[in-house]
Protein backbone atom coordinates (compact mmCIF):
# COMPACT_ATOMS: atom_id res chain seq x y z
CA ASP A 1 -0.12 -0.08 -0.10
CA GLU A 2 2.98 2.39 0.67
CA VAL A 3 4.08 1.86 -2.83
CA LEU A 4 0.71 2.83 -4.25
CA ARG A 5 1.14 6.27 -2.56
CA LEU A 6 4.54 7.03 -4.18
CA ASP A 7 4.63 9.98 -6.59
CA PRO A 8 5.62 9.03 -9.24
CA LEU A 9 4.60 5.19 -9.10
CA PRO A 10 7.32 2.86 -9.80
CA LYS A 11 7.20 0.89 -13.07
CA VAL A 12 8.27 -2.49 -11.42
CA ILE A 13 8.07 -4.19 -7.89
CA TRP A 14 10.66 -6.74 -7.36
CA MET A 15 10.21 -9.28 -4.41
CA GLN A 16 13.07 -11.20 -3.43
CA LEU A 17 13.64 -14.95 -3.43
CA GLY A 18 11.05 -16.55 -1.12
CA VAL A 19 8.53 -13.70 -0.91
CA ARG A 20 5.19 -13.82 -2.66
CA HIS A 21 2.15 -12.08 -1.78
CA ASP A 22 -0.58 -12.53 -4.45
CA GLU A 23 -3.25 -9.69 -2.99
CA ALA A 24 -0.30 -7.18 -2.89
CA ALA A 25 0.77 -8.05 -6.34
CA ALA A 26 -2.70 -7.85 -7.63
CA ARG A 27 -3.18 -4.23 -6.22
CA ALA A 28 -0.03 -3.15 -7.68
CA GLU A 29 -1.04 -4.69 -11.17
CA ALA A 30 -4.13 -2.94 -10.97
CA ALA A 31 -2.26 0.40 -10.75
CA GLY A 32 -0.22 -0.51 -13.78
CA ILE A 33 2.76 -1.58 -11.88
CA LYS A 34 4.65 -4.85 -13.14
CA VAL A 35 5.25 -7.30 -10.28
CA VAL A 36 8.11 -10.08 -10.03
CA MET A 37 7.86 -12.11 -7.13
CA ASN A 38 9.98 -15.04 -5.86
CA ARG A 39 12.94 -14.20 -8.07
CA CYS A 40 16.66 -13.45 -7.29
CA PRO A 41 18.08 -10.94 -9.62
CA LYS A 42 21.64 -12.45 -9.54
CA ILE A 43 20.21 -15.94 -10.47
CA GLU A 44 17.90 -14.56 -13.08
CA TYR A 45 21.21 -12.47 -14.63
CA GLY A 46 22.84 -15.87 -14.83
CA LYS A 47 20.01 -17.65 -16.73
CA LEU A 48 19.61 -14.71 -19.20
CA SER A 49 23.42 -14.56 -19.73
CA GLY A 50 23.77 -18.23 -20.07
CA GLU A 51 26.37 -18.37 -17.14
CA ILE A 52 24.31 -19.76 -14.50
CA GLY A 53 27.19 -21.65 -12.96
CA TRP A 54 28.85 -18.30 -12.14
CA THR A 55 25.99 -17.10 -9.91
CA GLY A 56 26.66 -20.28 -7.58
CA VAL A 57 23.84 -22.11 -8.84
CA ASN A 58 24.12 -25.87 -9.89
CA SER A 59 23.63 -25.94 -13.71
CA GLY A 60 23.83 -29.98 -13.42
CA VAL A 61 26.49 -29.90 -16.34
CA LEU A 62 29.74 -31.50 -15.49
CA SER A 63 32.92 -31.06 -17.35
CA SER A 64 36.50 -31.98 -16.95
CA LYS A 65 37.48 -28.93 -19.05
CA LYS A 66 39.40 -26.10 -17.16
CA PRO A 67 37.30 -22.96 -17.23
CA LEU A 68 38.42 -20.14 -19.72
CA MET A 69 37.88 -16.52 -19.30
CA ARG A 70 35.84 -15.77 -22.38
CA PRO A 71 35.34 -12.05 -23.62
CA GLY A 72 32.62 -10.14 -22.50
CA PHE A 73 31.22 -8.52 -19.16
CA GLN A 74 31.64 -11.09 -16.23
CA SER A 75 32.16 -14.06 -18.51
CA PHE A 76 33.80 -17.21 -16.99
CA GLY A 77 32.55 -20.35 -18.63
CA VAL A 78 33.87 -23.59 -20.01
CA ARG A 79 36.45 -23.89 -22.34
CA ARG A 80 34.88 -24.33 -25.95
CA LYS A 81 36.52 -25.16 -29.44
């Protein structure tokens, strides 16, 4: 409710991992605010960038190859030919 009294209204409300409040989300969405619940920005960044292992999440992929620094921002992945 406090967020709905802000001026200007935020465009997005991001609730951290483990937080879910459907009633609050419905009120925010009715006011035109996008709502993200039960998500971690660090994990989501890793998923979108294809480097989920960098974020500390077990990707389930095993490799005997030595990791090699690839070009790009925060890019530390498995060596590829």
